[in-house]
Amino acid sequence: MLFRETNEAIERGQWPGEPDKIVRFRCECSRLECGEAVEVTLAEYEHVRNFPRRFVVLRGHDLAEIETVVSGNDRFVVVEKQDAAGELAAATDPRD
């Protein structure tokens, strides 16, 4: 959830009107030591952000104990936090 706030700032800094532009966001995985980038179009990021429990992570960075992979492509997967992690993600959504 910490990296989601960083990614929100990255998105705000992009030129509007370019939904297919690929942007390097921070991986939003639960590993605090992760500093890797994930390439996501602005449209893809917006689609994920429509669901406060969902995050963009690099393939292999998902944690089955607290999240479920709901979609993906060759650049990233989208995970949805479950149970207490999902409740916390929804409660701390900066867009709410």
Protein backbone atom coordinates (compact mmCIF):
# COMPACT_ATOMS: atom_id res chain seq x y z
CA MET A 1 0.00 0.00 0.00
CA LEU A 2 2.99 2.27 0.54
CA PHE A 3 3.99 1.97 -3.11
CA ARG A 4 0.44 2.71 -4.28
CA GLU A 5 0.80 6.27 -2.95
CA THR A 6 4.09 6.63 -4.82
CA ASN A 7 2.42 5.40 -8.00
CA GLU A 8 -0.45 7.83 -7.55
CA ALA A 9 2.11 10.66 -7.57
CA ILE A 10 3.82 9.20 -10.65
CA GLU A 11 0.48 9.08 -12.45
CA ARG A 12 -0.38 12.68 -11.49
CA GLY A 13 2.93 13.76 -13.07
CA GLN A 14 2.03 12.33 -16.50
CA TRP A 15 0.78 14.37 -19.41
CA PRO A 16 -3.01 13.86 -19.75
CA GLY A 17 -4.53 12.37 -22.86
CA GLU A 18 -2.02 9.56 -23.40
CA PRO A 19 -3.81 6.45 -22.03
CA ASP A 20 -1.62 4.03 -24.03
CA LYS A 21 1.66 5.52 -22.84
CA ILE A 22 3.73 2.97 -20.92
CA VAL A 23 4.95 4.33 -17.60
CA ARG A 24 7.41 2.81 -15.14
CA PHE A 25 5.57 2.47 -11.84
CA ARG A 26 6.85 0.92 -8.62
CA CYS A 27 5.94 -2.70 -8.10
CA GLU A 28 3.10 -2.65 -5.55
CA CYS A 29 3.98 -6.00 -4.00
CA SER A 30 4.03 -6.61 -0.26
CA ARG A 31 7.81 -7.02 -0.10
CA LEU A 32 9.19 -3.92 1.59
CA GLU A 33 12.64 -4.57 0.11
CA CYS A 34 11.28 -4.56 -3.46
CA GLY A 35 12.43 -1.55 -5.44
CA GLU A 36 11.66 -2.89 -8.89
CA ALA A 37 9.73 -1.10 -11.60
CA VAL A 38 6.75 -2.44 -13.50
CA GLU A 39 5.71 -1.10 -16.91
CA VAL A 40 2.01 -0.28 -17.12
CA THR A 41 0.01 1.92 -19.47
CA LEU A 42 -1.93 4.74 -17.88
CA ALA A 43 -5.19 3.09 -19.00
CA GLU A 44 -4.17 -0.22 -17.41
CA TYR A 45 -3.24 1.52 -14.17
CA GLU A 46 -6.55 3.38 -14.08
CA HIS A 47 -8.45 0.13 -14.64
CA VAL A 48 -6.67 -1.51 -11.69
CA ARG A 49 -7.26 1.54 -9.49
CA ASN A 50 -11.03 1.21 -10.00
CA PHE A 51 -10.80 -1.55 -7.39
CA PRO A 52 -9.19 -0.43 -4.09
CA ARG A 53 -8.15 -3.98 -3.17
CA ARG A 54 -6.18 -4.49 -6.41
CA PHE A 55 -2.50 -3.83 -7.05
CA VAL A 56 -0.04 -4.08 -9.96
CA VAL A 57 2.92 -6.36 -9.22
CA LEU A 58 5.67 -8.08 -11.16
CA ARG A 59 5.04 -11.70 -12.06
CA GLY A 60 6.21 -13.86 -9.16
CA HIS A 61 5.80 -11.08 -6.58
CA ASP A 62 2.32 -12.19 -5.54
CA LEU A 63 1.79 -13.67 -2.06
CA ALA A 64 -0.82 -16.44 -2.14
CA GLU A 65 -1.34 -16.14 1.64
CA ILE A 66 -2.95 -12.70 1.36
CA GLU A 67 -3.85 -12.09 -2.30
CA THR A 68 -5.24 -13.69 -5.44
CA VAL A 69 -4.01 -13.10 -8.99
CA VAL A 70 -7.01 -11.79 -10.95
CA SER A 71 -5.38 -10.98 -14.30
CA GLY A 72 -2.07 -10.40 -15.96
CA ASN A 73 0.00 -10.05 -19.09
CA ASP A 74 3.64 -10.37 -20.08
CA ARG A 75 4.60 -7.22 -18.08
CA PHE A 76 2.72 -7.63 -14.77
CA VAL A 77 -0.05 -9.33 -12.82
CA VAL A 78 -2.93 -7.76 -10.95
CA VAL A 79 -3.53 -9.09 -7.45
CA GLU A 80 -6.49 -8.59 -5.17
CA LYS A 81 -5.83 -8.47 -1.44
CA GLN A 82 -8.02 -10.82 0.61
CA ASP A 83 -9.42 -10.82 4.14
CA ALA A 84 -7.73 -8.38 6.56
CA ALA A 85 -5.22 -7.27 3.90
CA GLY A 86 -8.10 -6.43 1.56
CA GLU A 87 -9.94 -4.50 4.25
CA LEU A 88 -6.81 -2.51 5.03
CA ALA A 89 -6.19 -1.82 1.32
CA ALA A 90 -9.73 -0.51 0.89
CA ALA A 91 -9.58 1.56 4.07
CA THR A 92 -6.31 3.24 3.07
CA ASP A 93 -7.16 3.86 -0.59
CA PRO A 94 -5.93 7.41 -1.32
CA ARG A 95 -8.78 7.89 -3.82
CA ASP A 96 -11.49 7.36 -1.23
